[in-house]
Amino acid sequence: MEYTTLEQVKIRLKQFHIETVTNDDDTTPDVVVFDNKEDNPVIEQLIKQATEDVKAKRCYPDTFTDDDITADLKQFENVVINLAVYDHSQAGENYMSALSEGGVSRTWKDRDKLFVGVFPFVKVL
């Protein structure tokens, strides 16, 4: 099954559950139902931001059309998903690098390390 970027982020955030449905032919397949719809606008914004961040890292040449950029970005879908999940999962205030609360300590990986394999285009002089 193919999921949208939004759905993939929601799966990684565990914002789904499985239901069994009964079809007209009496088969009973399991289906994925996505939860927390009120969170979708935030996740969509994080996906857009992550996509723009990847575009900025790629430094596309002026000769690239929007179609060229869209095609190239497909290979970085996992990076976009990782960035969106990372940004969404930060507990507390934005831009924190660590949090200690109630005996639990969290430290976040450097966000730039999530850009593995995203290299800029280079111009030959």
Foldseek 3Di string as FASTA:
>chain_A
DDDDLLVVLQVVVVQWDWDWDQDPVRDTDIDIGGHDPVCSVVLVVLLVVLLVVLCVQAADDPPQDPVNSVVVCVVVSVLSSVRSNLQVPDPDDPPDQWDDDPNDIDGDDDNVVSCPPRHYDDDDD
